[in-house]
């Protein structure tokens, strides 16, 4: 395997994007960690100081607590007053990168625009903005046309609604509360540019394009990641760059799609990393991870867990790339899913698939800590692997605090993803910050944020069940030595060329709590 520089390829033929800090970022809901935007900033400036260069604040728009945890805002340009103001967001952005979501594919069915369409139908000036079955298939759709449409949930992506007194089939890719927009129309672009303008004026410098893969709906295709999608993405990237922001594209799919998309945008997610790390640390098999390290995009945002589930489609074969194998064979993926369910004591099984609403076909709903059986040592090792892999590491707030599946919240809402969306009290945060597994993560994060070696060249070496992930910049080095079979690890780094041991597995518990 060749050494890998930390360079980020430029997006061709569009205005260049500004530089963004490459250190770790926190991912959090403002209401579930801190309580609002100002108190989230207080945590980052207080007990989490030095650990993060930035923060991805999950939807904080009006309302932040809709049917899809803020991904269905009625007004995407306004901070929910229960969470703060744009001035609070700008203060949060002082000295750090702030990322926020641009929900590209849909808007809330309760938005003022769609409510006007409900009342007035085609007489509404907003009517062209919203997709119906007839928008994409004006001559009608055959059974084959409908069966071809790709959707991350079972069933067809349509909901019967009355628009101006007429029953129509409205395109709703995700839920009936989220109505898809038609990016072929002026109205849709006026809406999206107003969102980008509001965010960038509020201090946001990285825009995460949520569900952008579903925007390019065209007859005769599967309506996912079509050529139109690429054109729409390019247009948003150009608009974002002109306003001083970079773009992160969120797409789950075959790993080759991520490699291809990475050549056309600023940043992509490395969604293959979490299942490959879980596979390695539950079997001792580093070979699939080793292969991925040799071909993955350098301009990636790395994660272990997020506000969604643990992606499986990202390492498997896909109907979207017929004939192309995945990074793991189907038998290994099935075994991995079962190990996650076993390690979580069956709680992830209760939150995944047909057992819970918000059904996704490609994710397991589980905290990463429970997916590893609450084994502190292996859990910290997983985080270390993430931090040493090239890219911008993002750490989800539940993962940072080594959170367990929230079965009470799941019981209250019936939404599978809520097992990994705990609402932390101040006392719970304080208690979690005192745990060895959390202290160890913060030590590693502060190293990743400040050490100059991470701005240099990455040298991975994998032999059997052991690996050494090493960064060098001049005389400065930082390296992780690990054994995937035993969970043993050690982190070493230089200070002015003199090596020291930063962290070892003896600093955290060696078995599940």
Protein backbone atom coordinates (compact mmCIF):
# COMPACT_ATOMS: atom_id res chain seq x y z
CA UNK A 1 0.00 0.00 0.00
CA UNK A 2 1.34 3.43 -0.92
CA UNK A 3 1.62 6.28 1.53
CA UNK A 4 -1.19 8.81 1.25
CA UNK A 5 -0.84 12.60 1.45
CA UNK A 6 -3.60 14.53 3.16
CA UNK A 7 -4.42 16.57 0.03
CA UNK A 8 -8.00 17.38 -0.93
CA UNK A 9 -8.74 17.42 -4.69
CA UNK A 10 -10.34 20.59 -5.97
CA UNK A 11 -13.75 20.59 -7.58
CA UNK A 12 -13.07 21.25 -11.29
CA UNK A 13 -14.41 24.29 -13.16
CA UNK A 14 -16.20 25.94 -10.24
CA UNK A 15 -15.04 28.76 -7.96
CA UNK A 16 -12.53 27.41 -5.45
CA UNK A 17 -13.78 26.66 -1.96
CA UNK A 18 -12.28 28.30 1.12
CA UNK A 19 -10.00 26.30 3.39
CA UNK A 20 -11.69 24.46 6.25
CA UNK A 21 -10.03 23.24 9.41
CA UNK A 22 -9.24 19.53 9.13
CA UNK A 23 -9.30 18.70 12.83
CA UNK A 24 -12.10 16.76 14.55
CA UNK A 25 -15.67 18.00 14.57
CA UNK A 26 -18.47 17.23 16.99
CA UNK A 27 -21.89 16.17 15.65
CA UNK A 28 -24.75 17.11 17.97
CA UNK A 29 -28.35 18.19 18.29
CA UNK A 30 -28.27 21.47 20.19
CA UNK A 31 -31.33 20.47 22.22
CA UNK A 32 -29.96 17.03 23.17
CA UNK A 33 -26.47 18.15 24.20
CA UNK A 34 -26.42 21.42 26.09
CA UNK A 35 -30.03 22.37 25.47
CA UNK A 36 -29.59 25.19 22.94
CA UNK A 37 -26.98 26.70 20.64
CA UNK A 38 -25.40 28.94 23.29
CA UNK A 39 -25.01 26.13 25.82
CA UNK A 40 -23.59 23.82 23.15
CA UNK A 41 -20.95 26.50 22.54
CA UNK A 42 -20.35 26.55 26.30
CA UNK A 43 -19.51 22.84 26.28
CA UNK A 44 -17.12 23.24 23.35
CA UNK A 45 -15.40 26.16 25.07
CA UNK A 46 -15.47 24.46 28.48
CA UNK A 47 -14.97 20.75 29.22
CA UNK A 48 -14.49 19.90 25.52
CA UNK A 49 -12.00 22.71 24.87
CA UNK A 50 -9.15 21.74 22.57
CA UNK A 51 -10.82 18.56 21.35
CA UNK A 52 -12.71 19.91 18.34
CA UNK A 53 -12.01 22.32 15.49
CA UNK A 54 -15.65 22.45 14.52
CA UNK A 55 -19.19 21.28 15.07
CA UNK A 56 -21.96 19.92 12.86
CA UNK A 57 -25.13 21.22 14.46
CA UNK A 58 -27.96 18.95 13.40
CA UNK A 59 -31.13 20.72 12.20
CA UNK A 60 -31.84 23.73 14.37
CA UNK A 61 -34.45 25.25 12.08
CA UNK A 62 -38.15 25.82 12.76
CA UNK A 63 -39.18 23.41 14.13
CA UNK A 64 -36.22 21.37 15.32
CA UNK A 65 -38.51 18.68 16.77
CA UNK A 66 -40.71 17.73 13.84
CA UNK A 67 -41.57 14.21 12.78
CA UNK A 68 -38.01 13.58 11.51
CA UNK A 69 -35.97 15.30 14.24
CA UNK A 70 -35.62 18.55 12.32
CA UNK A 71 -35.11 17.13 8.85
CA UNK A 72 -38.60 18.34 7.98
CA UNK A 73 -38.45 22.07 8.78
CA UNK A 74 -41.39 24.31 8.03
CA UNK A 75 -38.95 27.21 7.64
CA UNK A 76 -35.39 26.23 6.72
CA UNK A 77 -34.10 29.81 6.96
CA UNK A 78 -34.97 30.52 10.60
CA UNK A 79 -33.35 29.32 13.83
CA UNK A 80 -36.00 27.82 16.08
CA UNK A 81 -36.30 30.47 18.81
CA UNK A 82 -36.32 27.72 21.45
CA UNK A 83 -32.70 27.02 20.44
CA UNK A 84 -31.45 30.56 19.91
CA UNK A 85 -30.86 33.04 17.11
CA UNK A 86 -28.57 33.52 14.12
CA UNK A 87 -26.39 35.65 16.41
CA UNK A 88 -25.93 32.56 18.62
CA UNK A 89 -24.91 30.55 15.55
CA UNK A 90 -22.43 33.26 14.51
CA UNK A 91 -20.95 33.26 18.02
CA UNK A 92 -20.65 29.46 17.81
CA UNK A 93 -18.73 29.91 14.54
CA UNK A 94 -16.22 32.29 16.14
CA UNK A 95 -12.93 30.41 15.93
CA UNK A 96 -14.40 27.13 14.72
CA UNK A 97 -16.00 25.55 11.66
CA UNK A 98 -19.79 25.23 11.80
CA UNK A 99 -21.53 22.73 9.54
CA UNK A 100 -25.29 22.69 8.96
CA UNK A 101 -27.70 20.75 6.79
CA UNK A 102 -29.21 21.84 3.52
CA UNK A 103 -32.16 19.51 3.12
CA UNK A 104 -32.11 19.35 -0.66
CA UNK A 105 -34.65 16.69 -1.57
CA UNK A 106 -37.75 17.77 0.34
CA UNK A 107 -39.54 20.23 2.59
CA UNK A 108 -42.12 19.81 5.29
CA UNK A 109 -45.68 19.12 4.22
CA UNK A 110 -46.52 21.78 6.84
CA UNK A 111 -44.40 24.46 5.12
CA UNK A 112 -46.14 27.62 4.01
CA UNK A 113 -45.30 26.85 0.40
CA UNK A 114 -46.88 23.41 0.36
CA UNK A 115 -49.84 24.49 2.44
CA UNK A 116 -50.60 27.05 -0.25
CA UNK A 117 -50.47 24.27 -2.85
CA UNK A 118 -52.81 22.15 -0.74
CA UNK A 119 -55.32 24.99 -0.75
CA UNK A 120 -54.98 26.32 -4.29
CA UNK A 121 -53.55 23.41 -6.28
CA UNK A 122 -52.05 24.39 -9.62
CA UNK A 123 -53.18 27.99 -9.07
CA UNK A 124 -50.53 28.36 -6.35
CA UNK A 125 -47.30 30.02 -7.50
CA UNK A 126 -45.48 27.28 -5.59
CA UNK A 127 -47.18 24.39 -7.39
CA UNK A 128 -44.29 23.71 -9.82
CA UNK A 129 -41.90 23.30 -6.89
CA UNK A 130 -43.44 20.03 -5.68
CA UNK A 131 -43.18 16.66 -7.35
CA UNK A 132 -46.09 14.39 -8.12
CA UNK A 133 -46.15 11.13 -10.02
CA UNK A 134 -47.20 13.05 -13.11
CA UNK A 135 -44.28 15.50 -12.80
CA UNK A 136 -41.82 12.75 -13.65
CA UNK A 137 -44.11 10.53 -15.70
CA UNK A 138 -46.38 12.93 -17.63
CA UNK A 139 -47.42 10.15 -20.01
CA UNK A 140 -48.09 7.70 -17.19
CA UNK A 141 -45.88 5.12 -15.54
CA UNK A 142 -45.72 1.42 -16.26
CA UNK A 143 -45.35 -1.28 -13.64
CA UNK A 144 -41.70 -1.57 -14.68
CA UNK A 145 -41.19 2.19 -14.26
CA UNK A 146 -42.51 2.09 -10.70
CA UNK A 147 -40.67 -1.10 -9.74
CA UNK A 148 -37.38 0.45 -10.87
CA UNK A 149 -37.56 3.44 -8.49
CA UNK A 150 -34.92 3.21 -5.75
CA UNK A 151 -36.15 4.01 -2.25
CA UNK A 152 -34.48 3.38 1.14
CA UNK A 153 -37.75 2.09 2.60
CA UNK A 154 -40.22 -0.54 1.46
CA UNK A 155 -43.04 0.46 -0.84
CA UNK A 156 -43.48 3.21 -3.40
CA UNK A 157 -42.52 6.85 -2.70
CA UNK A 158 -45.97 8.37 -3.16
CA UNK A 159 -48.67 9.67 -0.82
CA UNK A 160 -52.21 10.44 -1.95
CA UNK A 161 -53.09 14.05 -1.04
CA UNK A 162 -55.73 16.58 -2.00
CA UNK A 163 -54.25 19.58 -3.80
CA UNK A 164 -56.73 22.28 -4.66
CA UNK A 165 -59.62 19.85 -4.39
CA UNK A 166 -57.99 17.22 -6.61
CA UNK A 167 -56.53 13.94 -5.39
CA UNK A 168 -52.88 13.61 -6.48
CA UNK A 169 -50.00 11.23 -5.86
CA UNK A 170 -47.37 13.44 -4.22
CA UNK A 171 -43.76 12.22 -4.29
CA UNK A 172 -42.62 11.52 -0.72
CA UNK A 173 -39.33 9.61 -0.75
CA UNK A 174 -39.00 9.37 3.03
CA UNK A 175 -42.25 10.03 4.90
CA UNK A 176 -45.65 11.60 4.10
CA UNK A 177 -44.53 14.62 6.13
CA UNK A 178 -41.61 15.30 3.75
CA UNK A 179 -42.65 16.39 0.26
CA UNK A 180 -40.08 16.15 -2.53
CA UNK A 181 -39.19 19.23 -4.56
CA UNK A 182 -38.63 19.52 -8.30
CA UNK A 183 -35.17 20.93 -8.98
CA UNK A 184 -36.10 21.50 -12.61
CA UNK A 185 -38.08 24.55 -11.52
CA UNK A 186 -37.22 28.16 -10.74
CA UNK A 187 -39.27 27.99 -7.56
CA UNK A 188 -37.16 25.14 -6.17
CA UNK A 189 -33.91 26.97 -6.87
CA UNK A 190 -35.19 30.21 -5.40
CA UNK A 191 -36.01 28.22 -2.28
CA UNK A 192 -32.66 26.38 -2.09
CA UNK A 193 -30.56 29.48 -2.70
CA UNK A 194 -32.46 31.30 0.03
CA UNK A 195 -31.54 28.47 2.41
CA UNK A 196 -27.85 28.55 1.44
CA UNK A 197 -27.79 32.33 1.75
CA UNK A 198 -29.36 32.24 5.22
CA UNK A 199 -26.91 29.62 6.45
CA UNK A 200 -23.77 31.27 5.12
CA UNK A 201 -24.89 34.66 6.43
CA UNK A 202 -25.26 32.96 9.81
CA UNK A 203 -21.61 31.85 9.92
CA UNK A 204 -21.99 28.33 8.49
CA UNK A 205 -18.98 27.43 6.32
CA UNK A 206 -19.69 23.79 5.49
CA UNK A 207 -23.02 22.74 4.00
CA UNK A 208 -24.07 19.12 4.32
CA UNK A 209 -26.36 18.18 1.43
CA UNK A 210 -28.92 15.87 2.96
CA UNK A 211 -30.55 13.25 0.68
CA UNK A 212 -29.19 14.90 -2.47
CA UNK A 213 -28.94 11.52 -4.21
CA UNK A 214 -32.72 11.40 -4.58
CA UNK A 215 -33.12 14.75 -6.33
CA UNK A 216 -32.51 13.69 -9.95
CA UNK A 217 -35.76 11.91 -10.66
CA UNK A 218 -36.05 11.06 -14.36
CA UNK A 219 -38.33 8.71 -16.28
CA UNK A 220 -36.51 5.62 -17.48
CA UNK A 221 -34.12 5.58 -14.50
CA UNK A 222 -34.15 4.34 -10.91
CA UNK A 223 -34.44 8.03 -9.86
CA UNK A 224 -31.30 7.82 -7.70
CA UNK A 225 -27.87 9.32 -8.43
CA UNK A 226 -28.85 10.11 -12.02
CA UNK A 227 -26.96 12.53 -14.31
CA UNK A 228 -29.43 15.20 -13.21
CA UNK A 229 -28.33 14.64 -9.59
CA UNK A 230 -24.74 15.42 -10.56
CA UNK A 231 -25.82 18.60 -12.34
CA UNK A 232 -27.90 19.77 -9.37
CA UNK A 233 -25.05 19.04 -6.95
CA UNK A 234 -22.62 20.97 -9.11
CA UNK A 235 -24.96 23.97 -9.14
CA UNK A 236 -25.25 23.96 -5.36
CA UNK A 237 -21.48 23.62 -4.98
CA UNK A 238 -20.94 26.63 -7.23
CA UNK A 239 -23.44 28.72 -5.26
CA UNK A 240 -21.88 27.63 -1.95
CA UNK A 241 -18.33 28.43 -3.07
CA UNK A 242 -19.42 31.89 -4.18
CA UNK A 243 -20.63 32.46 -0.62
CA UNK A 244 -17.50 31.13 1.08
CA UNK A 245 -18.71 27.65 2.01
CA UNK A 246 -17.65 24.10 1.25
CA UNK A 247 -20.02 21.22 0.49
CA UNK A 248 -20.27 17.75 2.04
CA UNK A 249 -22.41 15.29 0.09
CA UNK A 250 -24.36 12.67 2.06
CA UNK A 251 -24.98 9.56 -0.06
CA UNK A 252 -25.31 5.95 1.03
CA UNK A 253 -24.56 3.46 -1.71
CA UNK A 254 -21.93 1.24 -3.29
CA UNK A 255 -18.41 2.22 -2.29
CA UNK A 256 -17.42 2.92 -5.89
CA UNK A 257 -20.07 5.63 -6.01
CA UNK A 258 -18.38 7.42 -3.11
CA UNK A 259 -15.02 7.22 -4.90
CA UNK A 260 -16.57 8.74 -8.03
CA UNK A 261 -18.57 11.44 -6.22
CA UNK A 262 -15.45 12.50 -4.32
CA UNK A 263 -13.93 13.77 -7.55
CA UNK A 264 -16.71 16.32 -8.06
CA UNK A 265 -17.37 17.79 -4.60
CA UNK A 266 -15.39 19.15 -1.67
CA UNK A 267 -16.14 16.36 0.80
CA UNK A 268 -17.84 12.96 0.98
CA UNK A 269 -18.56 10.71 3.95
CA UNK A 270 -16.53 7.59 4.53
CA UNK A 271 -19.59 5.50 5.40
CA UNK A 272 -17.67 2.30 4.67
CA UNK A 273 -15.34 2.84 7.63
CA UNK A 274 -17.78 2.05 10.51
CA UNK A 275 -18.81 -1.47 9.35
CA UNK A 276 -15.22 -2.28 8.34
CA UNK A 277 -13.94 -1.24 11.78
CA UNK A 278 -16.69 -3.29 13.45
CA UNK A 279 -15.82 -6.28 11.28
CA UNK A 280 -12.12 -5.94 12.14
CA UNK A 281 -12.62 -5.55 15.89
CA UNK A 282 -15.14 -8.39 16.19
CA UNK A 283 -13.30 -10.92 13.99
CA UNK A 284 -9.65 -9.84 14.00
CA UNK A 285 -9.80 -9.61 10.19
CA UNK A 286 -8.11 -6.41 9.03
CA UNK A 287 -7.89 -7.34 5.34
CA UNK A 288 -11.10 -5.57 4.16
CA UNK A 289 -10.14 -2.42 6.07
CA UNK A 290 -6.63 -2.60 4.64
CA UNK A 291 -8.01 -2.80 1.12
CA UNK A 292 -10.27 0.20 1.73
CA UNK A 293 -7.38 2.28 3.07
CA UNK A 294 -5.70 1.86 -0.30
CA UNK A 295 -8.60 3.11 -2.45
CA UNK A 296 -10.76 5.41 -0.32
CA UNK A 297 -11.03 9.12 -1.16
CA UNK A 298 -8.70 11.44 0.71
CA UNK A 299 -11.32 14.23 0.86
CA UNK A 300 -13.54 12.30 3.26
CA UNK A 301 -15.35 13.02 6.49
CA UNK A 302 -14.90 9.97 8.72
CA UNK A 303 -17.50 8.74 11.20
CA UNK A 304 -18.21 5.76 13.43
CA UNK A 305 -21.78 6.65 14.30
CA UNK A 306 -24.11 9.50 13.37
CA UNK A 307 -27.72 10.53 14.00
CA UNK A 308 -28.70 7.76 11.57
CA UNK A 309 -27.99 4.04 11.83
CA UNK A 310 -24.80 2.12 11.07
CA UNK A 311 -24.71 1.78 7.28
CA UNK A 312 -24.46 -1.68 5.75
CA UNK A 313 -25.08 -0.93 2.08
CA UNK A 314 -21.82 1.02 2.02
CA UNK A 315 -19.71 -2.15 2.23
CA UNK A 316 -21.92 -4.58 0.35
CA UNK A 317 -22.92 -5.28 -3.24
CA UNK A 318 -25.69 -3.08 -4.58
CA UNK A 319 -28.34 -3.19 -7.26
CA UNK A 320 -27.11 0.29 -8.09
CA UNK A 321 -23.82 -1.25 -9.34
CA UNK A 322 -24.80 -4.63 -10.84
CA UNK A 323 -22.01 -7.15 -10.89
CA UNK A 324 -19.68 -5.14 -8.66
CA UNK A 325 -18.78 -6.89 -5.39
CA UNK A 326 -18.73 -4.99 -2.14
CA UNK A 327 -15.94 -4.50 0.37
CA UNK A 328 -17.44 -7.36 2.41
CA UNK A 329 -19.19 -10.42 0.95
CA UNK A 330 -22.88 -10.88 1.86
CA UNK A 331 -22.14 -13.72 4.32
CA UNK A 332 -19.74 -11.50 6.29
CA UNK A 333 -22.26 -8.66 6.32
CA UNK A 334 -24.99 -10.96 7.63
CA UNK A 335 -22.62 -12.22 10.33
CA UNK A 336 -21.66 -8.66 11.27
CA UNK A 337 -25.30 -7.64 11.68
CA UNK A 338 -25.92 -10.63 13.92
CA UNK A 339 -22.85 -9.80 16.04
CA UNK A 340 -24.13 -6.25 16.50
CA UNK A 341 -27.48 -7.61 17.64
CA UNK A 342 -25.78 -10.09 20.00
CA UNK A 343 -23.36 -7.50 21.38
CA UNK A 344 -26.22 -5.10 22.10
CA UNK A 345 -28.14 -7.78 23.99
CA UNK A 346 -30.78 -7.77 21.27
CA UNK A 347 -31.69 -4.11 21.73
CA UNK A 348 -30.50 -3.16 18.23
CA UNK A 349 -32.75 -5.84 16.78
CA UNK A 350 -35.72 -4.14 18.45
CA UNK A 351 -34.74 -0.83 16.83
CA UNK A 352 -33.95 -2.03 13.32
CA UNK A 353 -35.96 -2.88 10.22
CA UNK A 354 -39.53 -4.05 10.58
CA UNK A 355 -39.24 -3.86 14.39
CA UNK A 356 -39.42 -0.04 14.32
CA UNK A 357 -40.81 2.78 12.23
CA UNK A 358 -38.65 5.07 10.05
CA UNK A 359 -37.69 1.80 8.41
CA UNK A 360 -34.44 1.78 6.46
CA UNK A 361 -33.27 -1.09 4.32
CA UNK A 362 -29.57 -0.45 4.75
CA UNK A 363 -28.88 0.48 8.38
CA UNK A 364 -28.66 -1.08 11.84
CA UNK A 365 -29.93 1.22 14.57
CA UNK A 366 -27.51 0.95 17.48
CA UNK A 367 -24.98 3.05 19.36
CA UNK A 368 -21.44 2.17 18.37
CA UNK A 369 -20.64 1.49 22.02
CA UNK A 370 -23.36 -1.18 22.22
CA UNK A 371 -22.34 -2.56 18.80
CA UNK A 372 -19.00 -3.42 20.43
CA UNK A 373 -20.62 -4.97 23.49
CA UNK A 374 -19.76 -1.99 25.75
CA UNK A 375 -16.12 -3.09 25.68
CA UNK A 376 -14.31 0.12 26.60
CA UNK A 377 -10.95 -0.98 25.24
CA UNK A 378 -12.21 -2.01 21.81
CA UNK A 379 -14.46 1.02 21.70
CA UNK A 380 -11.58 3.46 22.26
CA UNK A 381 -9.54 1.51 19.71
CA UNK A 382 -12.32 1.97 17.16
CA UNK A 383 -12.23 5.72 17.80
CA UNK A 384 -8.45 5.76 17.44
CA UNK A 385 -8.64 4.04 14.07
CA UNK A 386 -11.11 6.70 12.93
CA UNK A 387 -8.86 9.51 14.16
CA UNK A 388 -5.79 8.10 12.42
CA UNK A 389 -7.45 7.49 9.05
CA UNK A 390 -7.05 10.43 6.63
CA UNK A 391 -9.95 12.86 6.45
CA UNK A 392 -11.92 15.11 8.77
CA UNK A 393 -13.11 13.05 11.75
CA UNK A 394 -16.60 13.74 13.04
CA UNK A 395 -17.60 12.39 16.44
CA UNK A 396 -21.28 12.00 17.28
CA UNK A 397 -22.24 13.29 20.72
CA UNK A 398 -23.63 9.92 21.92
CA UNK A 399 -20.45 8.23 20.72
CA UNK A 400 -18.23 10.77 22.45
CA UNK A 401 -20.02 10.01 25.72
CA UNK A 402 -19.94 6.23 25.10
CA UNK A 403 -23.71 6.16 25.19
CA UNK A 404 -25.87 3.05 25.36
CA UNK A 405 -29.03 2.30 23.40
CA UNK A 406 -31.86 4.47 24.76
CA UNK A 407 -34.67 1.92 24.92
CA UNK A 408 -36.91 4.28 26.90
CA UNK A 409 -36.80 6.83 24.10
CA UNK A 410 -37.43 4.11 21.52
CA UNK A 411 -40.47 2.94 23.51
CA UNK A 412 -41.78 6.49 23.73
CA UNK A 413 -41.42 7.35 20.04
CA UNK A 414 -41.36 4.03 18.19
CA UNK A 415 -38.63 5.47 15.93
CA UNK A 416 -35.73 3.06 15.56
CA UNK A 417 -33.03 5.71 15.18
CA UNK A 418 -33.97 7.22 18.53
CA UNK A 419 -32.01 4.49 20.33
CA UNK A 420 -28.97 6.56 19.35
CA UNK A 421 -30.43 10.03 19.97
CA UNK A 422 -30.40 10.32 23.75
CA UNK A 423 -31.34 13.62 25.39
CA UNK A 424 -28.54 14.29 27.87
CA UNK A 425 -29.07 16.24 31.06
CA UNK A 426 -26.24 18.38 32.43
CA UNK A 427 -25.66 15.81 35.19
CA UNK A 428 -25.45 12.95 32.67
CA UNK A 429 -22.87 14.88 30.63
CA UNK A 430 -20.78 15.56 33.72
CA UNK A 431 -20.88 11.91 34.77
CA UNK A 432 -19.97 10.69 31.29
CA UNK A 433 -17.00 13.05 31.03
CA UNK A 434 -15.50 11.34 34.08
CA UNK A 435 -15.53 7.86 32.52
CA UNK A 436 -12.17 6.41 31.37
CA UNK A 437 -13.48 5.62 27.87
CA UNK A 438 -14.59 9.24 27.41
CA UNK A 439 -11.40 10.72 28.90
CA UNK A 440 -9.35 8.53 26.56
CA UNK A 441 -11.31 9.74 23.54
CA UNK A 442 -10.77 13.36 24.54
CA UNK A 443 -7.04 12.76 24.93
CA UNK A 444 -6.92 11.29 21.44
CA UNK A 445 -9.06 14.07 19.99
CA UNK A 446 -6.80 16.78 21.44
CA UNK A 447 -3.80 15.02 19.94
CA UNK A 448 -5.51 14.84 16.54
CA UNK A 449 -6.49 18.51 16.76
CA UNK A 450 -3.07 19.88 17.67
CA UNK A 451 -0.29 17.57 16.51
CA UNK A 452 1.52 18.75 13.36
CA UNK A 453 2.13 15.23 12.04
CA UNK A 454 -1.52 14.95 10.99
CA UNK A 455 -0.90 17.65 8.40
CA UNK A 456 1.71 15.46 6.73
CA UNK A 457 1.73 12.01 5.14
CA UNK A 458 -0.15 8.87 6.19
CA UNK A 459 1.70 5.53 6.26
CA UNK A 460 -0.50 2.47 6.93
CA UNK A 461 1.06 -0.94 7.58
CA UNK A 462 -1.15 -4.01 8.11
CA UNK A 463 0.17 -7.47 8.90
CA UNK A 464 -2.30 -10.19 9.88
CA UNK A 465 -4.26 -8.97 12.89
CA UNK A 466 -1.87 -6.12 13.67
CA UNK A 467 -1.49 -2.68 12.15
CA UNK A 468 0.51 0.50 12.50
CA UNK A 469 -1.11 3.71 11.31
CA UNK A 470 1.54 6.41 11.20
CA UNK A 471 1.61 10.11 10.29
CA UNK A 472 4.81 12.05 9.63
CA UNK A 473 5.57 15.70 8.98
CA UNK A 474 9.25 16.55 9.03
CA UNK A 475 10.68 15.31 12.34
CA UNK A 476 7.25 14.98 13.95
CA UNK A 477 5.33 11.69 14.04
CA UNK A 478 2.14 10.28 15.52
CA UNK A 479 1.34 6.60 15.32
CA UNK A 480 -1.23 4.03 16.43
CA UNK A 481 -0.17 0.43 16.98
CA UNK A 482 -2.99 -2.09 17.37
CA UNK A 483 -3.93 -5.73 17.47
CA UNK A 484 -7.48 -6.28 16.23
CA UNK A 485 -7.60 -9.78 17.71
CA UNK A 486 -6.80 -8.78 21.29
CA UNK A 487 -7.91 -5.13 21.32
CA UNK A 488 -4.46 -4.00 22.49
CA UNK A 489 -3.25 -0.59 21.32
CA UNK A 490 -0.73 2.14 21.96
CA UNK A 491 -0.52 5.71 20.68
CA UNK A 492 2.90 7.36 20.43
CA UNK A 493 3.70 10.90 19.33
CA UNK A 494 6.71 13.18 19.22
CA UNK A 495 7.18 16.56 20.83
CA UNK A 496 10.02 18.45 19.14
CA UNK A 497 11.20 15.12 17.78
CA UNK A 498 11.17 13.31 21.14
CA UNK A 499 8.72 10.39 21.28
CA UNK A 500 6.27 9.84 24.13
CA UNK A 501 3.44 7.42 24.80
CA UNK A 502 0.12 9.25 24.73
CA UNK A 503 -2.39 6.47 25.38
CA UNK A 504 -2.54 2.69 25.77
CA UNK A 505 -5.25 0.11 26.26
CA UNK A 506 -4.33 -0.06 29.96
CA UNK A 507 -5.78 3.45 30.33
CA UNK A 508 -9.31 2.08 29.80
CA UNK A 509 -11.23 -0.97 30.98
CA UNK A 510 -10.47 -4.18 29.09
CA UNK A 511 -13.90 -5.79 29.19
CA UNK A 512 -17.57 -4.81 28.94
CA UNK A 513 -19.04 -2.93 31.88
